Every structure is written in structure tokens, then in C-alpha cells.
Amino acid sequence: MKFQVTIDRDEDGVWIVECPSIPGCVSQGATKKEALLNVQDAIKLCLEVRAERGLPLTVETAQVEVVA
């Protein structure tokens, strides 16, 4: 399975990666590569927990256009 993730850097230089289609699924790393590897584990674990709790595995995401 492939998931879209967002990648950001905090004020301390730590890379933060989030999977918007899985609520609460966030990871981090000292490098972008490390953060992307870590989020793969986070996604697997989040999907496991959501399945155990009978929750939908993902939520719907969409893009919207904002005219500025």
C-alpha cells in the first residue's frame, strides 16, 4: 500500500512526517530519510491498532482549491 505523507521541519531541525489519511499517524527523524523510514513503521502500527479497535483503517482526504 502507498500513502501520501507530509514532510516538515521544526524549529530545532527535526524532520516531522505525517500521514493525513491515518489520524494521529506522525513520526520524526534527525534526517528526512530517517523520518520517512520511521513513518513507515508508524503507519504499520497505526493500521494494526485501528484494525484491532474496529476503526476504519483510513479516513478520506481531498484537495481543495483556495483562490487568494
PDB file of N, CA and C in Angstrom:
ATOM      1  N   MET A   1       0.845  -1.181   0.000  1.00  0.00           N
ATOM      2  CA  MET A   1       0.000   0.000   0.000  1.00  0.00           C
ATOM      3  C   MET A   1       0.887   1.238   0.000  1.00  0.00           C
ATOM      4  N   LYS A   2       0.420   2.250  -0.695  1.00  0.00           N
ATOM      5  CA  LYS A   2       1.130   3.519  -0.713  1.00  0.00           C
ATOM      6  C   LYS A   2       0.271   4.575  -0.046  1.00  0.00           C
ATOM      7  N   PHE A   3       0.918   5.449   0.721  1.00  0.00           N
ATOM      8  CA  PHE A   3       0.229   6.520   1.426  1.00  0.00           C
ATOM      9  C   PHE A   3       0.920   7.849   1.150  1.00  0.00           C
ATOM     10  N   GLN A   4       0.124   8.896   1.011  1.00  0.00           N
ATOM     11  CA  GLN A   4       0.668  10.248   0.929  1.00  0.00           C
ATOM     12  C   GLN A   4       1.107  10.660   2.322  1.00  0.00           C
ATOM     13  N   VAL A   5       2.218  11.356   2.419  1.00  0.00           N
ATOM     14  CA  VAL A   5       2.675  11.897   3.699  1.00  0.00           C
ATOM     15  C   VAL A   5       3.063  13.353   3.512  1.00  0.00           C
ATOM     16  N   THR A   6       3.014  14.099   4.597  1.00  0.00           N
ATOM     17  CA  THR A   6       3.522  15.462   4.585  1.00  0.00           C
ATOM     18  C   THR A   6       4.865  15.466   5.301  1.00  0.00           C
ATOM     19  N   ILE A   7       5.755  16.325   4.836  1.00  0.00           N
ATOM     20  CA  ILE A   7       7.099  16.398   5.399  1.00  0.00           C
ATOM     21  C   ILE A   7       7.363  17.852   5.781  1.00  0.00           C
ATOM     22  N   ASP A   8       7.797  18.057   7.015  1.00  0.00           N
ATOM     23  CA  ASP A   8       8.071  19.403   7.504  1.00  0.00           C
ATOM     24  C   ASP A   8       9.283  19.348   8.424  1.00  0.00           C
ATOM     25  N   ARG A   9       9.826  20.473   8.708  1.00  0.00           N
ATOM     26  CA  ARG A   9      10.962  20.566   9.618  1.00  0.00           C
ATOM     27  C   ARG A   9      10.605  21.521  10.744  1.00  0.00           C
ATOM     28  N   ASP A  10      10.848  21.125  11.984  1.00  0.00           N
ATOM     29  CA  ASP A  10      10.519  22.009  13.098  1.00  0.00           C
ATOM     30  C   ASP A  10      11.657  22.995  13.364  1.00  0.00           C
ATOM     31  N   GLU A  11      11.445  23.852  14.350  1.00  0.00           N
ATOM     32  CA  GLU A  11      12.417  24.907  14.648  1.00  0.00           C
ATOM     33  C   GLU A  11      13.763  24.372  15.133  1.00  0.00           C
ATOM     34  N   ASP A  12      13.810  23.122  15.570  1.00  0.00           N
ATOM     35  CA  ASP A  12      15.062  22.507  16.017  1.00  0.00           C
ATOM     36  C   ASP A  12      15.737  21.709  14.904  1.00  0.00           C
ATOM     37  N   GLY A  13      15.148  21.698  13.706  1.00  0.00           N
ATOM     38  CA  GLY A  13      15.731  20.979  12.585  1.00  0.00           C
ATOM     39  C   GLY A  13      15.314  19.530  12.479  1.00  0.00           C
ATOM     40  N   VAL A  14      14.395  19.086  13.331  1.00  0.00           N
ATOM     41  CA  VAL A  14      13.898  17.702  13.300  1.00  0.00           C
ATOM     42  C   VAL A  14      12.870  17.589  12.175  1.00  0.00           C
ATOM     43  N   TRP A  15      12.962  16.525  11.396  1.00  0.00           N
ATOM     44  CA  TRP A  15      12.014  16.275  10.313  1.00  0.00           C
ATOM     45  C   TRP A  15      10.767  15.594  10.868  1.00  0.00           C
ATOM     46  N   ILE A  16       9.608  16.139  10.552  1.00  0.00           N
ATOM     47  CA  ILE A  16       8.325  15.618  11.017  1.00  0.00           C
ATOM     48  C   ILE A  16       7.555  15.118   9.791  1.00  0.00           C
ATOM     49  N   VAL A  17       7.093  13.872   9.856  1.00  0.00           N
ATOM     50  CA  VAL A  17       6.335  13.294   8.746  1.00  0.00           C
ATOM     51  C   VAL A  17       4.990  12.817   9.289  1.00  0.00           C
ATOM     52  N   GLU A  18       3.937  13.163   8.577  1.00  0.00           N
ATOM     53  CA  GLU A  18       2.582  12.813   9.000  1.00  0.00           C
ATOM     54  C   GLU A  18       1.846  12.165   7.841  1.00  0.00           C
ATOM     55  N   CYS A  19       0.998  11.201   8.170  1.00  0.00           N
ATOM     56  CA  CYS A  19       0.160  10.548   7.172  1.00  0.00           C
ATOM     57  C   CYS A  19      -1.281  11.041   7.379  1.00  0.00           C
ATOM     58  N   PRO A  20      -1.729  12.008   6.568  1.00  0.00           N
ATOM     59  CA  PRO A  20      -3.044  12.618   6.785  1.00  0.00           C
ATOM     60  C   PRO A  20      -4.226  11.653   6.709  1.00  0.00           C
ATOM     61  N   SER A  21      -4.084  10.547   5.986  1.00  0.00           N
ATOM     62  CA  SER A  21      -5.223   9.631   5.857  1.00  0.00           C
ATOM     63  C   SER A  21      -5.368   8.686   7.039  1.00  0.00           C
ATOM     64  N   ILE A  22      -4.402   8.738   7.991  1.00  0.00           N
ATOM     65  CA  ILE A  22      -4.488   7.932   9.212  1.00  0.00           C
ATOM     66  C   ILE A  22      -4.378   8.883  10.401  1.00  0.00           C
ATOM     67  N   PRO A  23      -5.497   9.204  11.048  1.00  0.00           N
ATOM     68  CA  PRO A  23      -5.472  10.167  12.142  1.00  0.00           C
ATOM     69  C   PRO A  23      -4.440   9.803  13.219  1.00  0.00           C
ATOM     70  N   GLY A  24      -3.632  10.792  13.589  1.00  0.00           N
ATOM     71  CA  GLY A  24      -2.650  10.605  14.650  1.00  0.00           C
ATOM     72  C   GLY A  24      -1.371   9.918  14.225  1.00  0.00           C
ATOM     73  N   CYS A  25      -1.227   9.608  12.959  1.00  0.00           N
ATOM     74  CA  CYS A  25      -0.045   8.884  12.488  1.00  0.00           C
ATOM     75  C   CYS A  25       1.054   9.870  12.119  1.00  0.00           C
ATOM     76  N   VAL A  26       1.997  10.051  13.052  1.00  0.00           N
ATOM     77  CA  VAL A  26       3.078  11.018  12.909  1.00  0.00           C
ATOM     78  C   VAL A  26       4.373  10.369  13.353  1.00  0.00           C
ATOM     79  N   SER A  27       5.470  10.717  12.692  1.00  0.00           N
ATOM     80  CA  SER A  27       6.781  10.247  13.123  1.00  0.00           C
ATOM     81  C   SER A  27       7.793  11.351  12.862  1.00  0.00           C
ATOM     82  N   GLN A  28       9.031  11.101  13.248  1.00  0.00           N
ATOM     83  CA  GLN A  28      10.070  12.108  13.075  1.00  0.00           C
ATOM     84  C   GLN A  28      11.420  11.449  12.905  1.00  0.00           C
ATOM     85  N   GLY A  29      12.406  12.259  12.566  1.00  0.00           N
ATOM     86  CA  GLY A  29      13.764  11.755  12.433  1.00  0.00           C
ATOM     87  C   GLY A  29      14.744  12.909  12.345  1.00  0.00           C
ATOM     88  N   ALA A  30      16.000  12.607  12.581  1.00  0.00           N
ATOM     89  CA  ALA A  30      17.048  13.625  12.518  1.00  0.00           C
ATOM     90  C   ALA A  30      17.317  14.040  11.072  1.00  0.00           C
ATOM     91  N   THR A  31      17.054  13.134  10.137  1.00  0.00           N
ATOM     92  CA  THR A  31      17.191  13.438   8.711  1.00  0.00           C
ATOM     93  C   THR A  31      15.870  13.134   8.031  1.00  0.00           C
ATOM     94  N   LYS A  32      15.697  13.678   6.827  1.00  0.00           N
ATOM     95  CA  LYS A  32      14.463  13.400   6.083  1.00  0.00           C
ATOM     96  C   LYS A  32      14.354  11.904   5.797  1.00  0.00           C
ATOM     97  N   LYS A  33      15.467  11.278   5.408  1.00  0.00           N
ATOM     98  CA  LYS A  33      15.457   9.844   5.107  1.00  0.00           C
ATOM     99  C   LYS A  33      15.035   9.029   6.334  1.00  0.00           C
ATOM    100  N   GLU A  34      15.597   9.369   7.496  1.00  0.00           N
ATOM    101  CA  GLU A  34      15.248   8.659   8.735  1.00  0.00           C
ATOM    102  C   GLU A  34      13.771   8.847   9.066  1.00  0.00           C
ATOM    103  N   ALA A  35      13.278  10.062   8.914  1.00  0.00           N
ATOM    104  CA  ALA A  35      11.874  10.339   9.213  1.00  0.00           C
ATOM    105  C   ALA A  35      10.943   9.544   8.298  1.00  0.00           C
ATOM    106  N   LEU A  36      11.302   9.452   7.017  1.00  0.00           N
ATOM    107  CA  LEU A  36      10.475   8.692   6.078  1.00  0.00           C
ATOM    108  C   LEU A  36      10.500   7.199   6.393  1.00  0.00           C
ATOM    109  N   LEU A  37      11.640   6.691   6.829  1.00  0.00           N
ATOM    110  CA  LEU A  37      11.702   5.282   7.243  1.00  0.00           C
ATOM    111  C   LEU A  37      10.875   5.057   8.504  1.00  0.00           C
ATOM    112  N   ASN A  38      10.975   5.993   9.452  1.00  0.00           N
ATOM    113  CA  ASN A  38      10.240   5.862  10.707  1.00  0.00           C
ATOM    114  C   ASN A  38       8.728   5.909  10.496  1.00  0.00           C
ATOM    115  N   VAL A  39       8.276   6.739   9.563  1.00  0.00           N
ATOM    116  CA  VAL A  39       6.831   6.834   9.357  1.00  0.00           C
ATOM    117  C   VAL A  39       6.282   5.544   8.752  1.00  0.00           C
ATOM    118  N   GLN A  40       7.098   4.800   8.041  1.00  0.00           N
ATOM    119  CA  GLN A  40       6.636   3.513   7.521  1.00  0.00           C
ATOM    120  C   GLN A  40       6.254   2.582   8.679  1.00  0.00           C
ATOM    121  N   ASP A  41       7.097   2.545   9.714  1.00  0.00           N
ATOM    122  CA  ASP A  41       6.774   1.736  10.893  1.00  0.00           C
ATOM    123  C   ASP A  41       5.540   2.277  11.593  1.00  0.00           C
ATOM    124  N   ALA A  42       5.449   3.614  11.695  1.00  0.00           N
ATOM    125  CA  ALA A  42       4.292   4.227  12.354  1.00  0.00           C
ATOM    126  C   ALA A  42       3.005   3.877  11.619  1.00  0.00           C
ATOM    127  N   ILE A  43       3.042   3.903  10.304  1.00  0.00           N
ATOM    128  CA  ILE A  43       1.847   3.568   9.511  1.00  0.00           C
ATOM    129  C   ILE A  43       1.431   2.125   9.778  1.00  0.00           C
ATOM    130  N   LYS A  44       2.383   1.205   9.759  1.00  0.00           N
ATOM    131  CA  LYS A  44       2.064  -0.207  10.027  1.00  0.00           C
ATOM    132  C   LYS A  44       1.408  -0.369  11.398  1.00  0.00           C
ATOM    133  N   LEU A  45       1.995   0.271  12.403  1.00  0.00           N
ATOM    134  CA  LEU A  45       1.459   0.149  13.762  1.00  0.00           C
ATOM    135  C   LEU A  45       0.092   0.804  13.893  1.00  0.00           C
ATOM    136  N   CYS A  46      -0.081   1.974  13.293  1.00  0.00           N
ATOM    137  CA  CYS A  46      -1.377   2.651  13.352  1.00  0.00           C
ATOM    138  C   CYS A  46      -2.463   1.808  12.695  1.00  0.00           C
ATOM    139  N   LEU A  47      -2.144   1.200  11.553  1.00  0.00           N
ATOM    140  CA  LEU A  47      -3.133   0.351  10.874  1.00  0.00           C
ATOM    141  C   LEU A  47      -3.496  -0.855  11.738  1.00  0.00           C
ATOM    142  N   GLU A  48      -2.502  -1.445  12.399  1.00  0.00           N
ATOM    143  CA  GLU A  48      -2.755  -2.574  13.309  1.00  0.00           C
ATOM    144  C   GLU A  48      -3.713  -2.181  14.424  1.00  0.00           C
ATOM    145  N   VAL A  49      -3.418  -1.062  15.069  1.00  0.00           N
ATOM    146  CA  VAL A  49      -4.240  -0.611  16.200  1.00  0.00           C
ATOM    147  C   VAL A  49      -5.649  -0.277  15.738  1.00  0.00           C
ATOM    148  N   ARG A  50      -5.771   0.411  14.604  1.00  0.00           N
ATOM    149  CA  ARG A  50      -7.102   0.756  14.114  1.00  0.00           C
ATOM    150  C   ARG A  50      -7.906  -0.497  13.776  1.00  0.00           C
ATOM    151  N   ALA A  51      -7.255  -1.505  13.204  1.00  0.00           N
ATOM    152  CA  ALA A  51      -7.939  -2.766  12.892  1.00  0.00           C
ATOM    153  C   ALA A  51      -8.387  -3.466  14.166  1.00  0.00           C
ATOM    154  N   GLU A  52      -7.509  -3.517  15.177  1.00  0.00           N
ATOM    155  CA  GLU A  52      -7.851  -4.164  16.456  1.00  0.00           C
ATOM    156  C   GLU A  52      -9.042  -3.493  17.126  1.00  0.00           C
ATOM    157  N   ARG A  53      -9.160  -2.178  16.956  1.00  0.00           N
ATOM    158  CA  ARG A  53     -10.243  -1.423  17.598  1.00  0.00           C
ATOM    159  C   ARG A  53     -11.495  -1.329  16.739  1.00  0.00           C
ATOM    160  N   GLY A  54     -11.442  -1.932  15.566  1.00  0.00           N
ATOM    161  CA  GLY A  54     -12.599  -1.914  14.684  1.00  0.00           C
ATOM    162  C   GLY A  54     -12.846  -0.566  14.025  1.00  0.00           C
ATOM    163  N   LEU A  55     -11.823   0.257  13.956  1.00  0.00           N
ATOM    164  CA  LEU A  55     -11.946   1.565  13.324  1.00  0.00           C
ATOM    165  C   LEU A  55     -11.641   1.445  11.835  1.00  0.00           C
ATOM    166  N   PRO A  56     -12.166   2.359  11.040  1.00  0.00           N
ATOM    167  CA  PRO A  56     -11.772   2.359   9.630  1.00  0.00           C
ATOM    168  C   PRO A  56     -10.252   2.553   9.547  1.00  0.00           C
ATOM    169  N   LEU A  57      -9.601   1.866   8.635  1.00  0.00           N
ATOM    170  CA  LEU A  57      -8.143   1.965   8.561  1.00  0.00           C
ATOM    171  C   LEU A  57      -7.679   3.356   8.162  1.00  0.00           C
ATOM    172  N   THR A  58      -8.420   3.993   7.281  1.00  0.00           N
ATOM    173  CA  THR A  58      -8.054   5.337   6.842  1.00  0.00           C
ATOM    174  C   THR A  58      -9.281   6.225   6.822  1.00  0.00           C
ATOM    175  N   VAL A  59      -9.049   7.516   6.719  1.00  0.00           N
ATOM    176  CA  VAL A  59     -10.126   8.473   6.539  1.00  0.00           C
ATOM    177  C   VAL A  59      -9.938   9.122   5.179  1.00  0.00           C
ATOM    178  N   GLU A  60     -10.996   9.654   4.655  1.00  0.00           N
ATOM    179  CA  GLU A  60     -10.951  10.279   3.336  1.00  0.00           C
ATOM    180  C   GLU A  60     -10.181  11.594   3.397  1.00  0.00           C
ATOM    181  N   THR A  61      -9.362  11.831   2.415  1.00  0.00           N
ATOM    182  CA  THR A  61      -8.684  13.113   2.275  1.00  0.00           C
ATOM    183  C   THR A  61      -9.031  13.673   0.892  1.00  0.00           C
ATOM    184  N   ALA A  62      -8.917  14.965   0.747  1.00  0.00           N
ATOM    185  CA  ALA A  62      -9.229  15.610  -0.525  1.00  0.00           C
ATOM    186  C   ALA A  62      -8.387  16.868  -0.661  1.00  0.00           C
ATOM    187  N   GLN A  63      -8.258  17.314  -1.871  1.00  0.00           N
ATOM    188  CA  GLN A  63      -7.608  18.597  -2.135  1.00  0.00           C
ATOM    189  C   GLN A  63      -8.692  19.614  -2.447  1.00  0.00           C
ATOM    190  N   VAL A  64      -8.524  20.809  -1.958  1.00  0.00           N
ATOM    191  CA  VAL A  64      -9.453  21.886  -2.277  1.00  0.00           C
ATOM    192  C   VAL A  64      -8.654  23.051  -2.842  1.00  0.00           C
ATOM    193  N   GLU A  65      -9.287  23.803  -3.710  1.00  0.00           N
ATOM    194  CA  GLU A  65      -8.626  24.963  -4.293  1.00  0.00           C
ATOM    195  C   GLU A  65      -9.044  26.206  -3.527  1.00  0.00           C
ATOM    196  N   VAL A  66      -8.083  27.011  -3.162  1.00  0.00           N
ATOM    197  CA  VAL A  66      -8.343  28.252  -2.458  1.00  0.00           C
ATOM    198  C   VAL A  66      -7.850  29.395  -3.361  1.00  0.00           C
ATOM    199  N   VAL A  67      -8.730  30.275  -3.713  1.00  0.00           N
ATOM    200  CA  VAL A  67      -8.362  31.407  -4.546  1.00  0.00           C
ATOM    201  C   VAL A  67      -7.969  32.556  -3.618  1.00  0.00           C
ATOM    202  N   ALA A  68      -6.744  33.012  -3.775  1.00  0.00           N
ATOM    203  CA  ALA A  68      -6.251  34.085  -2.892  1.00  0.00           C
ATOM    204  C   ALA A  68      -6.388  35.432  -3.544  1.00  0.00           C
TER     205      ALA A  68
END
